[in-house]
Amino acid sequence: MALSPAELRFYSALADYLDAVGQGRAGSPHPAWTEKLKLSMQTLDTLESELAPQIDSRLRHFLESKSYRKAHDYLSALSSAGLANPPASRQACSQ
């Protein structure tokens, strides 16, 4: 199943964020790494406020909780043909 345009934007931003986190774990943080991480988080916050009405409740829950790894994994699962549920059949996530 293809991700929606909003989900694709989140997926890309989440991948950038997780890449920045991984780089920080590889060694001592440098100013460039700190800036990349800050920009990644700002991008995610901006996307969340802009696109919240366009995303399903489970993804929104992960983003509001700052569970970025779970949000990335969730979008990965949605994009995998064997695991994806059509939007109409997705269950709501009660926080």
N, C-alpha and C. Protein backbone atom coordinates (compact mmCIF):
# COMPACT_ATOMS: atom_id res chain seq x y z
N MET A 1 0.84 -1.18 0.00
CA MET A 1 0.00 0.00 0.00
C MET A 1 0.89 1.24 0.00
N ALA A 2 0.56 2.17 -0.82
CA ALA A 2 1.32 3.41 -0.88
C ALA A 2 0.92 4.32 0.27
N LEU A 3 1.88 5.02 0.79
CA LEU A 3 1.60 5.99 1.84
C LEU A 3 1.00 7.24 1.21
N SER A 4 0.20 7.94 1.98
CA SER A 4 -0.37 9.21 1.52
C SER A 4 0.76 10.24 1.43
N PRO A 5 0.52 11.35 0.73
CA PRO A 5 1.56 12.39 0.68
C PRO A 5 1.97 12.89 2.07
N ALA A 6 1.02 13.04 2.97
CA ALA A 6 1.34 13.47 4.34
C ALA A 6 2.20 12.42 5.04
N GLU A 7 1.83 11.16 4.89
CA GLU A 7 2.60 10.08 5.52
C GLU A 7 4.01 10.00 4.94
N LEU A 8 4.15 10.23 3.64
CA LEU A 8 5.48 10.23 3.01
C LEU A 8 6.35 11.35 3.57
N ARG A 9 5.77 12.50 3.78
CA ARG A 9 6.53 13.62 4.36
C ARG A 9 7.00 13.27 5.76
N PHE A 10 6.11 12.68 6.55
CA PHE A 10 6.51 12.27 7.90
C PHE A 10 7.58 11.18 7.85
N TYR A 11 7.41 10.22 6.96
CA TYR A 11 8.36 9.11 6.87
C TYR A 11 9.76 9.63 6.56
N SER A 12 9.86 10.57 5.64
CA SER A 12 11.15 11.16 5.29
C SER A 12 11.73 11.94 6.46
N ALA A 13 10.91 12.74 7.11
CA ALA A 13 11.39 13.53 8.25
C ALA A 13 11.80 12.63 9.41
N LEU A 14 11.06 11.57 9.64
CA LEU A 14 11.41 10.62 10.70
C LEU A 14 12.72 9.92 10.39
N ALA A 15 12.93 9.56 9.13
CA ALA A 15 14.19 8.92 8.74
C ALA A 15 15.37 9.87 8.97
N ASP A 16 15.19 11.15 8.65
CA ASP A 16 16.25 12.14 8.90
C ASP A 16 16.54 12.25 10.39
N TYR A 17 15.48 12.30 11.19
CA TYR A 17 15.65 12.40 12.64
C TYR A 17 16.39 11.18 13.19
N LEU A 18 15.96 9.99 12.80
CA LEU A 18 16.59 8.76 13.31
C LEU A 18 18.04 8.65 12.84
N ASP A 19 18.33 9.14 11.65
CA ASP A 19 19.71 9.17 11.16
C ASP A 19 20.55 10.09 12.04
N ALA A 20 20.01 11.26 12.38
CA ALA A 20 20.74 12.20 13.24
C ALA A 20 20.98 11.60 14.62
N VAL A 21 19.99 10.93 15.16
CA VAL A 21 20.15 10.29 16.47
C VAL A 21 21.24 9.23 16.39
N GLY A 22 21.24 8.44 15.33
CA GLY A 22 22.25 7.41 15.15
C GLY A 22 23.66 7.98 15.05
N GLN A 23 23.79 9.11 14.38
CA GLN A 23 25.10 9.75 14.26
C GLN A 23 25.59 10.25 15.62
N GLY A 24 24.67 10.70 16.44
CA GLY A 24 25.05 11.18 17.77
C GLY A 24 25.53 10.07 18.67
N ARG A 25 24.99 8.89 18.49
CA ARG A 25 25.40 7.75 19.30
C ARG A 25 26.76 7.22 18.87
N ALA A 26 27.16 7.52 17.65
CA ALA A 26 28.42 6.98 17.11
C ALA A 26 29.64 7.64 17.74
N GLY A 27 29.50 8.76 18.36
CA GLY A 27 30.64 9.44 18.95
C GLY A 27 30.18 10.66 19.72
N SER A 28 31.14 11.47 20.09
CA SER A 28 30.80 12.67 20.85
C SER A 28 30.06 13.65 19.94
N PRO A 29 29.03 14.28 20.47
CA PRO A 29 28.24 15.20 19.65
C PRO A 29 29.06 16.42 19.21
N HIS A 30 28.93 16.77 17.95
CA HIS A 30 29.56 17.95 17.38
C HIS A 30 28.48 18.99 17.15
N PRO A 31 28.85 20.27 17.05
CA PRO A 31 27.84 21.30 16.80
C PRO A 31 26.99 21.03 15.55
N ALA A 32 27.59 20.49 14.50
CA ALA A 32 26.81 20.20 13.29
C ALA A 32 25.76 19.14 13.56
N TRP A 33 26.10 18.13 14.37
CA TRP A 33 25.14 17.09 14.73
C TRP A 33 24.00 17.68 15.55
N THR A 34 24.36 18.52 16.52
CA THR A 34 23.34 19.15 17.37
C THR A 34 22.37 19.97 16.52
N GLU A 35 22.91 20.71 15.56
CA GLU A 35 22.07 21.52 14.68
C GLU A 35 21.17 20.63 13.81
N LYS A 36 21.72 19.54 13.29
CA LYS A 36 20.92 18.63 12.46
C LYS A 36 19.78 18.02 13.27
N LEU A 37 20.08 17.63 14.50
CA LEU A 37 19.04 17.06 15.36
C LEU A 37 17.96 18.09 15.67
N LYS A 38 18.37 19.31 15.98
CA LYS A 38 17.41 20.37 16.28
C LYS A 38 16.52 20.65 15.07
N LEU A 39 17.12 20.74 13.89
CA LEU A 39 16.33 20.99 12.67
C LEU A 39 15.37 19.84 12.38
N SER A 40 15.81 18.61 12.62
CA SER A 40 14.94 17.45 12.40
C SER A 40 13.73 17.51 13.32
N MET A 41 13.96 17.86 14.57
CA MET A 41 12.85 17.95 15.53
C MET A 41 11.90 19.09 15.17
N GLN A 42 12.45 20.22 14.73
CA GLN A 42 11.61 21.34 14.31
C GLN A 42 10.75 20.95 13.11
N THR A 43 11.35 20.23 12.18
CA THR A 43 10.61 19.77 11.00
C THR A 43 9.45 18.87 11.42
N LEU A 44 9.71 17.94 12.33
CA LEU A 44 8.65 17.04 12.80
C LEU A 44 7.54 17.82 13.50
N ASP A 45 7.91 18.78 14.33
CA ASP A 45 6.90 19.59 15.03
C ASP A 45 6.06 20.39 14.03
N THR A 46 6.71 20.96 13.02
CA THR A 46 6.00 21.73 12.01
C THR A 46 5.04 20.84 11.22
N LEU A 47 5.54 19.69 10.79
CA LEU A 47 4.68 18.76 10.05
C LEU A 47 3.49 18.32 10.90
N GLU A 48 3.75 18.05 12.17
CA GLU A 48 2.66 17.60 13.04
C GLU A 48 1.57 18.66 13.13
N SER A 49 1.96 19.92 13.30
CA SER A 49 0.94 20.96 13.41
C SER A 49 0.23 21.22 12.08
N GLU A 50 0.95 21.09 10.97
CA GLU A 50 0.36 21.32 9.64
C GLU A 50 -0.53 20.18 9.18
N LEU A 51 -0.10 18.95 9.44
CA LEU A 51 -0.73 17.79 8.82
C LEU A 51 -1.55 16.92 9.76
N ALA A 52 -1.70 17.32 11.00
CA ALA A 52 -2.43 16.50 11.97
C ALA A 52 -3.80 16.04 11.47
N PRO A 53 -4.59 16.91 10.83
CA PRO A 53 -5.90 16.45 10.37
C PRO A 53 -5.84 15.40 9.25
N GLN A 54 -4.69 15.29 8.59
CA GLN A 54 -4.58 14.40 7.44
C GLN A 54 -4.02 13.02 7.79
N ILE A 55 -3.64 12.80 9.03
CA ILE A 55 -3.03 11.52 9.40
C ILE A 55 -3.94 10.76 10.34
N ASP A 56 -3.76 9.44 10.37
CA ASP A 56 -4.63 8.63 11.21
C ASP A 56 -4.25 8.79 12.69
N SER A 57 -5.14 8.39 13.54
CA SER A 57 -4.99 8.64 14.98
C SER A 57 -3.81 7.91 15.60
N ARG A 58 -3.48 6.73 15.11
CA ARG A 58 -2.34 6.01 15.70
C ARG A 58 -1.04 6.75 15.42
N LEU A 59 -0.84 7.18 14.18
CA LEU A 59 0.37 7.93 13.85
C LEU A 59 0.40 9.24 14.63
N ARG A 60 -0.72 9.91 14.72
CA ARG A 60 -0.80 11.16 15.49
C ARG A 60 -0.42 10.92 16.95
N HIS A 61 -0.90 9.82 17.52
CA HIS A 61 -0.57 9.47 18.90
C HIS A 61 0.95 9.30 19.07
N PHE A 62 1.58 8.56 18.16
CA PHE A 62 3.04 8.37 18.25
C PHE A 62 3.77 9.70 18.17
N LEU A 63 3.33 10.57 17.28
CA LEU A 63 3.99 11.86 17.11
C LEU A 63 3.79 12.76 18.31
N GLU A 64 2.57 12.80 18.84
CA GLU A 64 2.31 13.62 20.03
C GLU A 64 3.12 13.14 21.22
N SER A 65 3.36 11.84 21.29
CA SER A 65 4.13 11.24 22.39
C SER A 65 5.63 11.30 22.13
N LYS A 66 6.02 11.85 20.99
CA LYS A 66 7.43 11.91 20.58
C LYS A 66 8.04 10.52 20.47
N SER A 67 7.21 9.54 20.14
CA SER A 67 7.67 8.16 19.93
C SER A 67 8.03 8.01 18.45
N TYR A 68 9.13 8.65 18.08
CA TYR A 68 9.49 8.74 16.67
C TYR A 68 9.90 7.41 16.07
N ARG A 69 10.55 6.55 16.83
CA ARG A 69 10.90 5.22 16.31
C ARG A 69 9.62 4.43 16.02
N LYS A 70 8.65 4.49 16.93
CA LYS A 70 7.38 3.78 16.72
C LYS A 70 6.64 4.35 15.51
N ALA A 71 6.66 5.67 15.36
CA ALA A 71 6.00 6.30 14.21
C ALA A 71 6.65 5.84 12.91
N HIS A 72 7.97 5.79 12.89
CA HIS A 72 8.69 5.34 11.70
C HIS A 72 8.37 3.87 11.40
N ASP A 73 8.40 3.04 12.44
CA ASP A 73 8.10 1.62 12.25
C ASP A 73 6.66 1.42 11.78
N TYR A 74 5.75 2.21 12.31
CA TYR A 74 4.34 2.12 11.91
C TYR A 74 4.18 2.45 10.42
N LEU A 75 4.84 3.53 9.98
CA LEU A 75 4.75 3.89 8.57
C LEU A 75 5.44 2.85 7.69
N SER A 76 6.52 2.26 8.17
CA SER A 76 7.18 1.18 7.42
C SER A 76 6.23 0.01 7.24
N ALA A 77 5.52 -0.33 8.31
CA ALA A 77 4.57 -1.44 8.24
C ALA A 77 3.43 -1.13 7.28
N LEU A 78 2.95 0.11 7.30
CA LEU A 78 1.87 0.49 6.39
C LEU A 78 2.30 0.39 4.93
N SER A 79 3.55 0.72 4.68
CA SER A 79 4.01 0.71 3.29
C SER A 79 4.37 -0.70 2.80
N SER A 80 4.49 -1.64 3.72
CA SER A 80 4.77 -3.04 3.34
C SER A 80 3.47 -3.68 2.86
N ALA A 81 3.48 -4.21 1.69
CA ALA A 81 2.26 -4.71 1.06
C ALA A 81 1.52 -5.72 1.92
N GLY A 82 2.20 -6.64 2.56
CA GLY A 82 1.54 -7.69 3.32
C GLY A 82 0.99 -7.24 4.65
N LEU A 83 1.43 -6.09 5.15
CA LEU A 83 1.03 -5.67 6.48
C LEU A 83 0.08 -4.48 6.49
N ALA A 84 -0.12 -3.88 5.35
CA ALA A 84 -0.88 -2.64 5.33
C ALA A 84 -2.38 -2.87 5.42
N ASN A 85 -3.03 -1.98 6.12
CA ASN A 85 -4.49 -1.96 6.20
C ASN A 85 -4.97 -0.74 5.44
N PRO A 86 -6.02 -0.87 4.67
CA PRO A 86 -6.55 0.32 4.02
C PRO A 86 -7.03 1.31 5.08
N PRO A 87 -6.95 2.62 4.79
CA PRO A 87 -7.33 3.62 5.78
C PRO A 87 -8.72 3.39 6.37
N ALA A 88 -9.66 2.91 5.59
CA ALA A 88 -11.02 2.71 6.09
C ALA A 88 -11.10 1.65 7.17
N SER A 89 -10.16 0.71 7.19
CA SER A 89 -10.24 -0.37 8.17
C SER A 89 -9.30 -0.19 9.35
N ARG A 90 -8.55 0.91 9.39
CA ARG A 90 -7.63 1.14 10.50
C ARG A 90 -8.41 1.44 11.77
N GLN A 91 -7.94 0.88 12.86
CA GLN A 91 -8.59 1.11 14.15
C GLN A 91 -8.07 2.40 14.76
N ALA A 92 -8.94 3.08 15.44
CA ALA A 92 -8.54 4.30 16.14
C ALA A 92 -7.70 3.92 17.35
N CYS A 93 -6.78 4.77 17.69
CA CYS A 93 -5.91 4.54 18.84
C CYS A 93 -6.34 5.49 19.95
N SER A 94 -6.88 4.94 21.02
CA SER A 94 -7.24 5.80 22.14
C SER A 94 -6.00 6.00 22.98
N GLN A 95 -5.69 7.22 23.24
CA GLN A 95 -4.46 7.55 23.95
C GLN A 95 -4.59 7.08 25.35
